[in-house]
Protein backbone atom coordinates (compact mmCIF):
# COMPACT_ATOMS: atom_id res chain seq x y z
CA MET A 1 10.25 9.38 19.26
CA LEU A 2 11.73 7.03 17.26
CA PHE A 3 10.99 3.02 17.25
CA TYR A 4 13.85 0.81 16.48
CA LYS A 5 13.39 -3.26 16.21
CA THR A 6 15.48 -6.42 17.00
CA ALA A 7 15.91 -9.46 14.38
CA ALA A 8 13.38 -10.92 16.32
CA GLU A 9 11.15 -8.29 16.03
CA ILE A 10 11.61 -7.97 12.35
CA SER A 11 11.06 -11.67 11.72
CA VAL A 12 7.67 -11.48 13.50
CA ILE A 13 6.48 -8.28 11.15
CA LYS A 14 7.76 -10.33 8.23
CA GLU A 15 5.53 -13.00 9.20
CA ASN A 16 2.43 -10.84 9.52
CA CYS A 17 3.16 -9.25 6.18
CA GLN A 18 3.50 -12.74 4.45
CA LEU A 19 0.47 -13.33 5.68
CA LEU A 20 -1.05 -10.85 4.04
CA SER A 21 0.97 -11.50 1.14
CA ASP A 22 -0.92 -15.19 1.45
CA MET A 23 -4.40 -13.51 1.80
CA PHE A 24 -3.84 -11.17 -1.47
CA ARG A 25 -2.97 -14.61 -3.27
CA MET A 26 -6.49 -15.90 -2.03
CA LEU A 27 -8.58 -12.80 -3.03
CA GLU A 28 -6.78 -12.79 -6.42
CA GLY A 29 -8.49 -15.59 -7.38
CA GLN A 30 -12.11 -14.24 -6.42
CA LEU A 31 -11.46 -10.64 -8.51
CA GLU A 32 -14.60 -11.43 -11.09
CA PRO A 33 -17.15 -9.29 -12.51
CA GLY A 34 -20.11 -9.46 -10.08
CA LYS A 35 -18.30 -10.20 -7.00
CA SER A 36 -19.11 -7.84 -4.48
CA ILE A 37 -16.62 -5.61 -2.64
CA GLN A 38 -18.28 -6.81 0.73
CA THR A 39 -17.71 -9.90 -0.44
CA LEU A 40 -14.10 -9.91 -1.05
CA ASP A 41 -13.74 -8.16 2.56
CA ASN A 42 -15.95 -11.32 4.36
CA LEU A 43 -13.24 -13.35 2.66
CA ALA A 44 -10.30 -11.83 3.66
CA THR A 45 -11.08 -10.96 7.47
CA GLN A 46 -12.21 -14.43 7.69
CA TYR A 47 -8.81 -15.92 6.32
CA LEU A 48 -7.16 -13.55 8.71
CA LYS A 49 -8.83 -14.38 11.78
CA ASP A 50 -8.77 -18.11 11.27
CA ARG A 51 -4.54 -17.42 11.20
CA GLY A 52 -4.80 -15.35 14.35
CA ALA A 53 -4.85 -11.83 13.05
CA LEU A 54 -6.59 -8.90 13.92
CA THR A 55 -7.43 -6.36 10.82
CA VAL A 56 -6.66 -3.13 12.38
CA PHE A 57 -8.91 -0.96 9.80
CA LEU A 58 -12.01 -2.93 11.25
CA ASN A 59 -14.56 -0.27 13.26
CA TYR A 60 -11.07 2.35 12.58
CA LYS A 61 -12.59 5.83 12.62
CA ASP A 62 -16.22 4.51 12.10
CA SER A 63 -15.11 2.04 8.85
CA ALA A 64 -16.91 -0.62 10.08
CA ARG A 65 -15.05 -2.50 7.21
CA SER A 66 -11.83 -4.21 7.30
CA LYS A 67 -9.94 -2.94 4.47
CA SER A 68 -9.85 0.30 2.34
CA LYS A 69 -10.23 -0.51 -1.30
CA ALA A 70 -10.72 1.55 -4.38
CA ILE A 71 -12.48 0.76 -7.86
CA SER A 72 -12.47 2.15 -11.27
CA PHE A 73 -12.11 6.30 -10.72
CA ILE A 74 -12.57 5.90 -6.86
CA VAL A 75 -9.58 5.03 -4.20
CA HIS A 76 -9.16 4.55 -0.73
CA CYS A 77 -12.78 4.00 0.50
CA VAL A 78 -14.78 1.72 2.63
CA PRO A 79 -16.01 -1.56 1.30
CA ASP A 80 -19.39 -1.85 0.63
CA ARG A 81 -22.19 -3.69 -1.95
CA SER A 82 -20.40 -2.18 -4.97
CA GLU A 83 -19.94 -5.08 -7.86
CA LEU A 84 -16.83 -5.54 -9.71
CA HIS A 85 -16.74 -4.96 -13.47
CA GLU A 86 -14.83 -5.83 -16.09
CA GLY A 87 -12.12 -3.32 -16.68
CA ASP A 88 -12.45 -2.44 -12.94
CA MET A 89 -9.17 -1.23 -11.11
CA ILE A 90 -9.62 -2.28 -7.69
CA SER A 91 -7.12 -1.58 -5.16
CA ILE A 92 -6.80 -3.07 -1.55
CA SER A 93 -5.07 -2.15 1.44
CA CYS A 94 -4.99 -4.29 4.56
CA GLN A 95 -2.92 -4.06 8.03
CA ILE A 96 -3.03 -6.65 10.69
CA PHE A 97 -1.66 -7.07 14.38
CA ARG A 98 -0.59 -10.28 15.30
CA LYS A 99 1.76 -11.36 18.08
CA GLY A 100 2.27 -7.93 19.10
CA PHE A 101 3.25 -6.51 15.94
CA PHE A 102 1.56 -4.77 12.92
CA GLY A 103 2.02 -5.34 9.46
CA PHE A 104 0.79 -4.15 6.13
CA LEU A 105 0.27 -4.29 2.14
CA SER A 106 -1.69 -2.84 -0.30
CA ARG A 107 -2.07 -4.22 -3.95
CA THR A 108 -3.55 -3.08 -7.30
CA PHE A 109 -5.53 -5.40 -9.24
CA PHE A 110 -7.17 -5.38 -12.55
CA VAL A 111 -10.51 -7.05 -13.70
CA GLY A 112 -9.97 -8.75 -16.78
CA GLU A 113 -8.00 -8.41 -19.13
CA MET A 114 -5.97 -5.33 -19.12
CA LYS A 115 -5.09 -2.92 -22.38
CA PRO A 116 -1.24 -1.96 -22.97
CA LYS A 117 -1.99 1.31 -21.27
CA GLU A 118 -2.89 -0.25 -18.25
CA ASP A 119 -0.26 -3.16 -17.80
CA LYS A 120 2.00 -0.34 -18.70
CA PHE A 121 0.82 2.12 -15.58
CA LEU A 122 0.59 -0.94 -13.22
CA SER A 123 4.00 -2.06 -13.96
CA ASN A 124 5.83 1.21 -13.98
CA SER A 125 4.07 1.90 -10.58
CA LEU A 126 5.41 -1.27 -8.91
CA GLU A 127 8.95 -0.94 -10.33
CA ILE A 128 8.84 2.67 -8.90
CA LEU A 129 7.75 0.90 -5.32
CA LYS A 130 10.38 -1.79 -5.42
CA SER A 131 13.50 0.73 -6.32
CA THR A 132 11.79 2.80 -3.42
CA ALA A 133 12.34 0.27 -1.11
CA LYS A 134 16.19 0.07 -1.83
CA ILE A 135 16.58 3.61 -0.86
CA LEU A 136 16.13 2.63 3.02
CA LYS A 137 19.38 2.07 4.03
CA GLU A 138 21.44 3.32 6.64
CA GLY A 139 22.91 6.59 5.84
CA ASN A 140 20.27 8.12 3.62
CA ARG A 141 17.22 10.28 5.19
CA THR A 142 13.59 10.38 5.21
CA GLY A 143 13.70 13.12 2.50
CA ASP A 144 15.40 10.99 0.13
CA ILE A 145 12.44 8.42 -0.25
CA ALA A 146 10.36 11.33 -1.46
CA ASP A 147 12.82 12.81 -3.91
CA HIS A 148 13.24 9.16 -5.42
CA ILE A 149 9.60 8.58 -5.34
CA ASP A 150 9.47 12.12 -7.17
CA ALA A 151 12.20 11.59 -9.70
CA GLU A 152 10.67 8.34 -10.82
CA CYS A 153 7.25 9.55 -11.65
CA LYS A 154 8.77 12.17 -13.67
CA VAL A 155 10.84 9.49 -15.87
CA HIS A 156 7.54 7.61 -16.26
CA ASP A 157 5.12 10.94 -16.56
CA LEU A 158 3.23 9.78 -13.51
CA LYS A 159 2.17 11.84 -10.72
CA VAL A 160 2.19 11.46 -6.93
CA LEU A 161 -0.56 11.93 -4.47
CA LYS A 162 1.11 14.31 -1.60
CA LYS A 163 -2.16 13.44 0.97
CA GLN A 164 -1.25 9.97 1.40
CA LEU A 165 1.64 9.52 3.86
CA GLY A 166 4.00 6.88 4.68
CA TYR A 167 5.32 5.96 8.63
CA GLY A 168 7.12 3.83 10.57
CA ILE A 169 5.17 0.88 12.15
CA GLY A 170 5.82 -1.80 14.44
CA LYS A 171 4.61 -2.53 18.20
CA PHE A 172 1.95 0.47 16.90
CA ARG A 173 -0.02 1.18 13.96
CA VAL A 174 1.58 4.24 13.05
CA GLU A 175 5.09 5.52 14.74
CA SER A 176 7.62 8.12 13.90
CA PRO A 177 8.58 9.14 12.08
CA VAL A 178 5.99 10.12 8.95
CA LEU A 179 7.19 10.46 5.23
CA THR A 180 6.09 12.80 3.30
CA HIS A 181 5.61 13.34 0.02
CA PHE A 182 7.46 17.01 -0.09
CA VAL A 183 10.59 16.78 -1.58
CA ILE A 184 13.51 18.13 0.37
CA PRO A 185 16.60 15.76 -0.38
CA ARG A 186 18.90 15.16 2.13
CA SER A 187 16.29 16.23 4.89
CA GLY A 188 14.74 14.49 7.82
CA GLU A 189 15.31 11.76 10.07
CA LEU A 190 18.62 9.81 9.19
CA LEU A 191 17.84 6.22 8.71
CA LYS A 192 18.85 3.39 10.66
CA ARG A 193 18.97 -0.54 11.10
CA GLY A 194 15.99 -1.32 13.13
CA MET A 195 13.94 1.16 11.39
CA VAL A 196 10.86 -0.15 9.71
CA PHE A 197 8.11 1.54 7.56
CA VAL A 198 5.07 1.57 5.74
CA VAL A 199 6.11 2.74 1.95
CA HIS A 200 2.69 3.19 -0.07
CA PRO A 201 2.72 5.87 -2.63
CA VAL A 202 -0.85 6.64 -4.65
CA LEU A 203 0.45 7.18 -8.35
CA TYR A 204 -1.66 8.40 -10.67
CA PHE A 205 -1.20 9.22 -14.65
CA ASN A 206 -3.42 12.68 -14.99
CA SER A 207 -2.82 15.80 -13.49
CA ARG A 208 -6.56 16.96 -13.27
CA GLN A 209 -8.34 17.51 -9.99
CA THR A 210 -8.82 15.25 -7.39
CA ASN A 211 -11.61 15.60 -4.82
CA TRP A 212 -11.83 14.29 -1.12
CA VAL A 213 -15.45 13.18 -0.28
CA ASP A 214 -16.90 14.13 3.22
CA ASP A 215 -16.74 10.50 4.51
CA GLY A 216 -12.57 11.28 4.65
CA TRP A 217 -11.97 8.26 3.03
CA THR A 218 -13.22 8.37 -0.29
CA LEU A 219 -10.72 10.26 -3.24
CA ASN A 220 -13.22 10.56 -6.17
CA ASN A 221 -11.47 11.72 -9.39
CA LYS A 222 -14.40 13.72 -11.73
CA PHE A 223 -12.02 12.93 -15.11
CA ASP A 224 -10.50 10.17 -16.82
CA ASN A 225 -7.60 8.44 -14.52
CA ARG A 226 -6.48 5.70 -12.86
CA TYR A 227 -4.81 5.16 -9.56
CA SER A 228 -2.33 2.48 -8.77
CA HIS A 229 -1.74 1.76 -4.71
CA TYR A 230 1.09 -0.68 -3.98
CA GLY A 231 2.57 -0.68 -0.81
CA TYR A 232 5.31 -2.83 1.16
CA THR A 233 6.51 -2.98 5.25
CA VAL A 234 10.09 -2.32 4.51
CA ALA A 235 12.79 -2.42 7.20
CA VAL A 236 15.86 -0.10 7.13
CA GLY A 237 19.24 -2.31 5.60
CA HIS A 238 23.06 -1.70 5.53
CA ASN A 239 22.76 -1.77 1.49
CA SER A 240 19.60 -1.97 0.84
CA GLY A 241 15.92 -2.00 2.38
CA GLU A 242 14.22 -5.63 2.78
CA ILE A 243 11.01 -5.70 1.68
CA LEU A 244 9.00 -7.72 4.44
CA SER A 245 6.95 -9.94 1.84
CA GLU A 246 7.00 -11.47 -1.31
CA ASP A 247 7.26 -9.08 -4.28
CA PHE A 248 4.04 -8.49 -6.48
CA GLU A 249 3.21 -9.38 -9.85
CA THR A 250 0.65 -7.19 -11.87
CA LYS A 251 -0.48 -10.22 -14.04
CA LYS A 252 -1.78 -13.44 -12.93
CA GLN A 253 0.38 -16.16 -13.52
């Protein structure tokens, strides 16, 4: 079953995504060596609670934390008491429920001074996401999204994690259709106004093996690698998709 939202409903989703953007801005000022992931989780949870939002990932599939996160060579796992260190790259994703609708946002941060290679990697990852959002327009199909991400990754010599899926979002946390990263251009569901999607590819620049840990959340890489995980909630538009939050910046202003 496909779900279509009215302009008023998309406006509520946009409010939720903007709240998440504000929350990330608050967290950005807390990212410093010695700060624990648990502390960041507590700050974010309280910030959202004070503004009437429920954190959806809290207790999701037995997780006792409100967000998924990635630190250094680990991506997408449960927040814990691990401390940040100079040179860590941390990805934080969060989904909330407020006023009857969900909203999602994910962002990758760097702790300390970025080297040119990492700066370029994060900048390219973010630009790929922004250009992908433009593909979510009437007349395109869901397969065109994967095709675009794959093509852009090849330009920048990056890889996309196939297991990470995009999906529809609205009154339900996950709605049809699902967005895969297996490229079949002009395949899948036809995009129409009223559809809203979470687009959040995990990108990396080393083709060596990655390994999922038994907890079902943690992706651990044995080799020298970096991952980025930027994600927007995007509404299908007439000429271009609409990102329902402020644009991210890879550097602190």
